[in-house]
Amino acid sequence: AEVPPFILNGIVYTAPSRENGRTLSIEAHQETDGKRLYKAVVGKNIIHPWLEEDVQWDFVKNLSLQNGSVPIRTEKGKKYLFDPGTKSANRISPPLRRGGRK
């Protein structure tokens, strides 16, 4: 499903619809002319070769603006917090397991 965009300080933030399911990202575009300013990777899905790939894909389900940050939720329930100022994101839930595995 299409994720509704939001506007902050003349910049439109969107979640590209249905990328490849391996990479979670958001894009920033100028509100005036639609020019893409940047694409930020929020998270990556590790694809295990012994499982069917399409059941491992994950997509951005929701993004919004709260107190200057962008909470992002995926279809599989992962939560990230994106900072438009630094163009970086941190996974906030569920936490990564030891060894960096998801």
Protein backbone atom coordinates (compact mmCIF):
# COMPACT_ATOMS: atom_id res chain seq x y z
CA ALA A 1 0.00 0.00 0.00
CA GLU A 2 1.09 3.55 -0.67
CA VAL A 3 2.52 5.36 2.37
CA PRO A 4 1.20 8.94 2.66
CA PRO A 5 3.95 11.58 2.45
CA PHE A 6 4.38 14.49 4.84
CA ILE A 7 5.95 17.94 4.48
CA LEU A 8 8.49 19.56 6.80
CA ASN A 9 10.09 22.94 6.05
CA GLY A 10 9.34 22.75 2.33
CA ILE A 11 10.61 19.17 1.99
CA VAL A 12 8.30 16.29 1.11
CA TYR A 13 9.26 12.98 2.74
CA THR A 14 8.07 9.76 1.11
CA ALA A 15 8.62 6.04 1.41
CA PRO A 16 9.27 4.58 -2.06
CA SER A 17 6.47 2.14 -2.71
CA ARG A 18 7.46 -1.46 -3.04
CA GLU A 19 11.17 -1.30 -3.49
CA ASN A 20 12.88 -4.68 -3.47
CA GLY A 21 11.89 -5.68 0.07
CA ARG A 22 15.53 -5.87 1.11
CA THR A 23 16.13 -2.17 1.82
CA LEU A 24 13.92 0.20 3.81
CA SER A 25 14.35 3.81 2.76
CA ILE A 26 12.76 7.22 2.65
CA GLU A 27 13.23 9.98 0.10
CA ALA A 28 13.26 13.75 0.48
CA HIS A 29 12.03 15.97 -2.37
CA GLN A 30 11.72 19.75 -2.72
CA GLU A 31 8.07 20.72 -2.35
CA THR A 32 8.32 23.39 -5.05
CA ASP A 33 9.63 21.37 -8.00
CA GLY A 34 9.71 17.74 -6.82
CA LYS A 35 13.49 17.47 -7.22
CA ARG A 36 14.89 14.60 -5.16
CA LEU A 37 17.28 15.89 -2.52
CA TYR A 38 18.35 12.55 -1.10
CA LYS A 39 17.40 8.96 -0.42
CA ALA A 40 18.20 7.67 3.07
CA VAL A 41 18.51 3.99 3.92
CA VAL A 42 16.64 3.34 7.15
CA GLY A 43 17.33 -0.37 7.48
CA LYS A 44 18.23 -3.51 5.58
CA ASN A 45 16.74 -6.98 5.67
CA ILE A 46 19.08 -9.91 5.81
CA ILE A 47 17.84 -12.51 3.33
CA HIS A 48 18.56 -16.09 4.31
CA PRO A 49 19.10 -18.32 1.24
CA TRP A 50 17.50 -21.39 2.85
CA LEU A 51 14.12 -19.59 3.15
CA GLU A 52 11.85 -18.26 0.42
CA GLU A 53 12.95 -14.74 -0.29
CA ASP A 54 9.57 -13.06 -0.67
CA VAL A 55 8.40 -14.04 2.81
CA GLN A 56 11.46 -12.28 4.25
CA TRP A 57 10.81 -8.95 2.54
CA ASP A 58 9.68 -6.00 4.64
CA PHE A 59 8.30 -2.61 3.59
CA VAL A 60 7.66 0.76 5.20
CA LYS A 61 4.06 0.79 6.42
CA ASN A 62 3.86 4.15 8.16
CA LEU A 63 5.88 7.31 8.56
CA SER A 64 4.93 10.50 10.33
CA LEU A 65 6.40 13.53 12.03
CA GLN A 66 6.72 13.77 15.81
CA ASN A 67 8.80 16.41 17.59
CA GLY A 68 11.09 16.92 14.59
CA SER A 69 11.82 13.20 14.13
CA VAL A 70 10.20 10.65 11.85
CA PRO A 71 8.99 7.43 13.46
CA ILE A 72 8.87 4.67 10.85
CA ARG A 73 7.05 1.36 11.22
CA THR A 74 7.40 -1.59 8.84
CA GLU A 75 4.88 -4.23 7.83
CA LYS A 76 6.72 -6.76 10.02
CA GLY A 77 6.55 -4.49 13.08
CA LYS A 78 10.08 -3.10 13.15
CA LYS A 79 10.33 0.49 14.36
CA TYR A 80 12.94 3.04 13.36
CA LEU A 81 13.45 6.69 14.24
CA PHE A 82 14.74 8.91 11.41
CA ASP A 83 16.33 12.30 12.05
CA PRO A 84 15.91 14.62 9.02
CA GLY A 85 18.69 16.88 10.33
CA THR A 86 21.36 14.18 10.30
CA LYS A 87 19.66 12.02 7.62
CA SER A 88 20.20 8.95 9.78
CA ALA A 89 17.97 6.36 11.42
CA ASN A 90 18.15 4.11 14.44
CA ARG A 91 16.20 0.93 14.99
CA ILE A 92 14.23 1.26 18.20
CA SER A 93 12.17 -1.93 18.27
CA PRO A 94 12.52 -4.83 18.32
CA PRO A 95 16.17 -4.45 19.28
CA LEU A 96 18.87 -6.24 17.35
CA ARG A 97 19.99 -9.52 18.88
CA ARG A 98 23.59 -10.11 19.88
CA GLY A 99 25.87 -10.36 16.90
CA GLY A 100 23.83 -7.80 14.93
CA ARG A 101 21.20 -10.28 13.78
CA LYS A 102 17.61 -9.23 13.42
